[in-house]
Amino acid sequence: MYYLLPLVFTLSHPLIILLEDDDVLVVDKPGGLVCHSASRPEQTSLAELLREYGIETPRLINRLDRETSGIVIVAKNERAGKNLGKQVLRREIQKEYRAICWGELAQVTGTIDQPIGVTGGGPVYTKRVIDAAGKPSVTEFSIEKKMTGFTVVGLRPKTGRAHQLRVHMAWLGYPIVGDKIYGPDERLYLEFIEHGVTEAMLEKLLLSRHALHASAVTFRHPDTQLPVTCRAELPADMEQFIEEKSRC
């Protein structure tokens, strides 16, 4: 049995704060929480929770997919937002992720340099694909732990394309566990939109969300310009999965 994601987030699920001062708030976003809910205003979002927390205009410097857990940097004022935004444009913010992938990866370290574009067909319009005409996309990877049938992988994106890590690992032949689009069947994503997580879906995916976690970020503080590194531990669902598969 694996953890299912909560469907509702309120301040009874308090923000996990990794760093806070007058300029910056760094939080550990749980999987299942959207960063913004403009397309679905009925959904609770991280931005909404930040406003309830007291940040009138939260400026999210980086964003994560709904199901991806981990570190999000929030600028608390316009000056900090502009400074951190320039760091993003210059690719100065360093990010690290951890993922649980299907299969036993043989290559200890490597770099995936494959351009990513938007698919022109198929049932899931948000799906990205490897496309020679797409935007340059680079991901470094390294093995952290091998288990029977699975590998825990460290990922360091050098570019910031939508779904980049998920697309690259699927292209390499080691899709991320629980991925409804890039895993065993992209139609599972449509089923999820219609019905939510089902037992039949879990039998194929093993987890109710994709096992991807933004585990570390390094940036220059917008006031002092000194480097700041924040780290977020793996969430319980990924930890439990690794523990159970390590016993196999």
Protein backbone atom coordinates (compact mmCIF):
# COMPACT_ATOMS: atom_id res chain seq x y z
CA MET A 1 0.00 0.00 0.00
CA TYR A 2 1.27 3.48 -0.88
CA TYR A 3 0.34 6.94 0.26
CA LEU A 4 -2.43 8.74 -1.60
CA LEU A 5 -2.30 12.51 -2.04
CA PRO A 6 -4.65 14.69 0.01
CA LEU A 7 -7.35 16.26 -2.15
CA VAL A 8 -7.82 19.43 -0.09
CA PHE A 9 -5.18 21.77 1.32
CA THR A 10 -5.89 24.41 3.95
CA LEU A 11 -3.82 26.15 6.59
CA SER A 12 -4.60 23.16 8.78
CA HIS A 13 -1.88 21.70 6.52
CA PRO A 14 0.69 24.37 7.49
CA LEU A 15 3.37 25.51 5.08
CA ILE A 16 6.71 23.78 5.53
CA ILE A 17 9.06 26.76 5.73
CA LEU A 18 12.75 26.19 5.05
CA LEU A 19 13.86 29.82 5.13
CA GLU A 20 12.20 33.18 5.79
CA ASP A 21 13.39 36.77 6.13
CA ASP A 22 12.15 40.18 4.97
CA ASP A 23 12.85 39.39 1.30
CA VAL A 24 12.53 35.67 0.72
CA LEU A 25 10.39 32.74 1.80
CA VAL A 26 11.46 29.22 0.78
CA VAL A 27 8.85 26.49 1.23
CA ASP A 28 8.68 22.73 0.75
CA LYS A 29 5.57 22.24 -1.40
CA PRO A 30 3.71 18.95 -0.92
CA GLY A 31 2.89 16.84 -3.94
CA GLY A 32 -0.69 17.37 -5.08
CA LEU A 33 -0.76 21.13 -4.43
CA VAL A 34 -0.84 23.41 -7.49
CA CYS A 35 1.31 26.54 -7.45
CA HIS A 36 -1.42 28.64 -9.06
CA SER A 37 -5.07 27.77 -9.69
CA ALA A 38 -6.06 30.26 -12.39
CA SER A 39 -7.43 27.52 -14.65
CA ARG A 40 -9.25 25.83 -11.75
CA PRO A 41 -10.21 28.47 -9.21
CA GLU A 42 -11.93 25.86 -7.05
CA GLN A 43 -8.54 24.29 -6.28
CA THR A 44 -6.51 25.46 -3.31
CA SER A 45 -3.10 26.70 -4.51
CA LEU A 46 0.26 27.45 -2.96
CA ALA A 47 -0.23 31.11 -3.89
CA GLU A 48 -3.51 31.14 -1.97
CA LEU A 49 -1.91 29.57 1.10
CA LEU A 50 0.88 32.15 0.94
CA ARG A 51 -1.68 34.96 0.91
CA GLU A 52 -3.43 33.42 3.89
CA TYR A 53 -0.04 33.20 5.57
CA GLY A 54 0.32 36.95 5.19
CA ILE A 55 2.20 37.57 1.94
CA GLU A 56 -0.16 39.87 0.05
CA THR A 57 1.51 39.47 -3.34
CA PRO A 58 3.54 36.23 -3.40
CA ARG A 59 5.98 36.10 -6.30
CA LEU A 60 6.85 32.48 -7.07
CA ILE A 61 10.35 32.45 -8.54
CA ASN A 62 10.18 28.83 -9.60
CA ARG A 63 7.12 26.66 -10.09
CA LEU A 64 6.59 22.94 -9.78
CA ASP A 65 4.04 20.68 -11.42
CA ARG A 66 1.05 19.85 -9.27
CA GLU A 67 2.35 16.39 -8.41
CA THR A 68 6.00 17.37 -7.96
CA SER A 69 6.95 18.02 -4.35
CA GLY A 70 9.77 20.15 -3.03
CA ILE A 71 11.35 23.56 -2.92
CA VAL A 72 9.67 26.73 -4.17
CA ILE A 73 11.32 30.15 -3.76
CA VAL A 74 8.97 33.04 -3.03
CA ALA A 75 9.95 36.71 -3.25
CA LYS A 76 8.13 38.76 -0.62
CA ASN A 77 8.54 42.14 -2.34
CA GLU A 78 9.03 43.61 -5.80
CA ARG A 79 12.73 44.35 -5.37
CA ALA A 80 13.53 40.78 -4.36
CA GLY A 81 11.32 39.48 -7.15
CA LYS A 82 13.20 41.44 -9.81
CA ASN A 83 16.59 40.36 -8.48
CA LEU A 84 15.68 36.68 -8.29
CA GLY A 85 13.92 36.88 -11.66
CA LYS A 86 17.17 38.07 -13.25
CA GLN A 87 18.96 35.09 -11.68
CA VAL A 88 16.41 32.80 -13.33
CA LEU A 89 16.92 34.42 -16.74
CA ARG A 90 20.70 34.08 -16.38
CA ARG A 91 20.31 30.44 -15.28
CA GLU A 92 22.18 31.23 -12.08
CA ILE A 93 19.79 29.37 -9.77
CA GLN A 94 20.96 25.79 -9.31
CA LYS A 95 18.34 23.10 -8.73
CA GLU A 96 18.57 19.48 -7.71
CA TYR A 97 15.83 16.87 -7.86
CA ARG A 98 15.44 13.28 -6.76
CA ALA A 99 13.30 10.80 -8.64
CA ILE A 100 12.37 7.13 -8.41
CA CYS A 101 12.54 5.61 -11.87
CA TRP A 102 11.43 2.32 -13.36
CA GLY A 103 14.29 -0.01 -14.23
CA GLU A 104 17.85 -0.47 -13.03
CA LEU A 105 19.91 2.30 -14.58
CA ALA A 106 23.34 1.02 -15.61
CA GLN A 107 25.09 4.32 -16.34
CA VAL A 108 26.29 5.85 -13.05
CA THR A 109 26.32 9.43 -14.32
CA GLY A 110 25.45 11.11 -17.58
CA THR A 111 23.99 14.05 -19.44
CA ILE A 112 20.81 14.04 -21.52
CA ASP A 113 21.01 16.69 -24.24
CA GLN A 114 17.76 16.36 -26.16
CA PRO A 115 15.52 19.20 -27.39
CA ILE A 116 11.93 19.23 -26.18
CA GLY A 117 8.85 20.36 -28.09
CA VAL A 118 5.08 20.26 -27.73
CA THR A 119 3.41 17.19 -29.18
CA GLY A 120 1.29 17.83 -32.24
CA GLY A 121 -1.11 15.01 -31.59
CA GLY A 122 -2.19 12.35 -29.11
CA PRO A 123 -4.84 12.44 -26.43
CA VAL A 124 -2.92 14.61 -23.90
CA TYR A 125 -2.41 18.11 -25.32
CA THR A 126 0.02 19.12 -22.54
CA LYS A 127 2.42 16.30 -23.35
CA ARG A 128 5.97 17.19 -24.41
CA VAL A 129 8.18 15.13 -26.71
CA ILE A 130 11.78 14.90 -27.84
CA ASP A 131 11.80 16.93 -31.04
CA ALA A 132 14.77 18.04 -33.12
CA ALA A 133 12.90 21.30 -33.78
CA GLY A 134 12.20 21.83 -30.08
CA LYS A 135 13.99 24.00 -27.53
CA PRO A 136 17.45 22.97 -26.27
CA SER A 137 17.10 20.96 -23.06
CA VAL A 138 19.88 19.53 -20.90
CA THR A 139 19.68 17.35 -17.77
CA GLU A 140 22.52 15.83 -15.76
CA PHE A 141 21.77 12.62 -13.84
CA SER A 142 23.48 10.34 -11.34
CA ILE A 143 22.49 7.13 -9.59
CA GLU A 144 21.80 7.45 -5.87
CA LYS A 145 20.41 4.00 -5.06
CA LYS A 146 19.59 0.82 -6.96
CA MET A 147 16.74 -1.51 -6.03
CA THR A 148 15.29 -4.54 -7.75
CA GLY A 149 13.48 -3.06 -10.74
CA PHE A 150 13.94 0.58 -9.71
CA THR A 151 16.58 3.31 -9.37
CA VAL A 152 16.70 6.45 -7.25
CA VAL A 153 18.24 9.13 -9.45
CA GLY A 154 19.62 12.60 -8.74
CA LEU A 155 18.71 15.09 -11.47
CA ARG A 156 20.19 18.52 -12.20
CA PRO A 157 18.38 20.46 -14.94
CA LYS A 158 20.55 22.91 -16.84
CA THR A 159 17.55 24.32 -18.69
CA GLY A 160 13.98 24.86 -17.51
CA ARG A 161 11.57 23.33 -20.00
CA ALA A 162 8.10 22.17 -19.01
CA HIS A 163 8.13 18.50 -17.93
CA GLN A 164 11.85 18.38 -18.78
CA LEU A 165 12.98 15.80 -16.22
CA ARG A 166 10.00 13.56 -16.84
CA VAL A 167 10.45 13.71 -20.62
CA HIS A 168 14.20 13.11 -20.46
CA MET A 169 14.01 10.12 -18.13
CA ALA A 170 11.24 8.55 -20.23
CA TRP A 171 13.32 9.10 -23.37
CA LEU A 172 16.30 7.44 -21.67
CA GLY A 173 14.09 4.41 -21.02
CA TYR A 174 13.64 4.89 -17.26
CA PRO A 175 10.34 6.78 -16.75
CA ILE A 176 9.52 8.16 -13.33
CA VAL A 177 7.32 5.92 -11.18
CA GLY A 178 3.74 7.16 -10.95
CA ASP A 179 3.93 9.37 -14.06
CA LYS A 180 0.50 9.42 -15.66
CA ILE A 181 1.68 11.00 -18.92
CA TYR A 182 5.17 9.63 -19.54
CA GLY A 183 4.73 6.29 -17.79
CA PRO A 184 3.04 3.12 -19.04
CA ASP A 185 0.02 4.77 -20.72
CA GLU A 186 -0.73 8.46 -21.19
CA ARG A 187 -4.46 7.71 -21.18
CA LEU A 188 -4.12 7.21 -17.43
CA TYR A 189 -3.82 10.98 -17.18
CA LEU A 190 -7.21 11.42 -18.85
CA GLU A 191 -8.66 8.80 -16.53
CA PHE A 192 -7.23 10.67 -13.56
CA ILE A 193 -8.78 13.96 -14.71
CA GLU A 194 -12.15 12.24 -15.04
CA HIS A 195 -12.17 9.93 -12.02
CA GLY A 196 -9.21 10.75 -9.80
CA VAL A 197 -6.86 8.00 -8.59
CA THR A 198 -8.38 4.52 -8.88
CA GLU A 199 -7.20 1.14 -7.63
CA ALA A 200 -6.74 -0.04 -11.23
CA MET A 201 -4.57 2.99 -11.90
CA LEU A 202 -2.44 2.35 -8.81
CA GLU A 203 -1.79 -1.20 -9.96
CA LYS A 204 -0.09 0.23 -13.06
CA LEU A 205 1.54 3.33 -11.57
CA LEU A 206 2.37 2.07 -8.03
CA LEU A 207 2.16 5.63 -6.67
CA SER A 208 -0.69 8.12 -6.80
CA ARG A 209 1.68 10.84 -8.07
CA HIS A 210 4.92 10.89 -10.00
CA ALA A 211 7.90 10.30 -7.71
CA LEU A 212 9.75 13.55 -8.36
CA HIS A 213 10.99 15.86 -5.60
CA ALA A 214 12.81 19.22 -5.82
CA SER A 215 15.35 18.49 -3.12
CA ALA A 216 17.79 21.42 -3.19
CA VAL A 217 18.19 24.91 -4.58
CA THR A 218 21.03 27.44 -4.49
CA PHE A 219 20.57 31.14 -5.25
CA ARG A 220 22.09 34.51 -4.35
CA HIS A 221 20.18 36.33 -1.66
CA PRO A 222 18.59 39.42 -3.27
CA ASP A 223 19.83 41.68 -0.46
CA THR A 224 23.25 40.37 0.56
CA GLN A 225 24.09 38.66 -2.76
CA LEU A 226 25.59 35.81 -0.72
CA PRO A 227 24.86 32.25 -1.88
CA VAL A 228 22.02 30.48 -0.10
CA THR A 229 21.36 26.74 -0.30
CA CYS A 230 18.12 25.15 0.93
CA ARG A 231 17.39 21.43 1.11
CA ALA A 232 14.14 19.50 1.52
CA GLU A 233 13.97 15.90 2.72
CA LEU A 234 12.13 13.30 0.66
CA PRO A 235 8.40 13.19 1.43
CA ALA A 236 6.86 10.19 3.17
CA ASP A 237 5.38 8.54 0.06
CA MET A 238 8.74 8.38 -1.72
CA GLU A 239 10.59 7.32 1.45
CA GLN A 240 8.10 4.49 2.04
CA PHE A 241 8.35 3.32 -1.57
CA ILE A 242 12.16 3.19 -1.38
CA GLU A 243 12.07 1.40 1.96
CA GLU A 244 9.64 -1.25 0.72
CA LYS A 245 11.45 -1.86 -2.55
CA SER A 246 14.81 -2.04 -0.75
CA ARG A 247 13.51 -5.04 1.20
CA CYS A 248 12.59 -6.94 -1.97
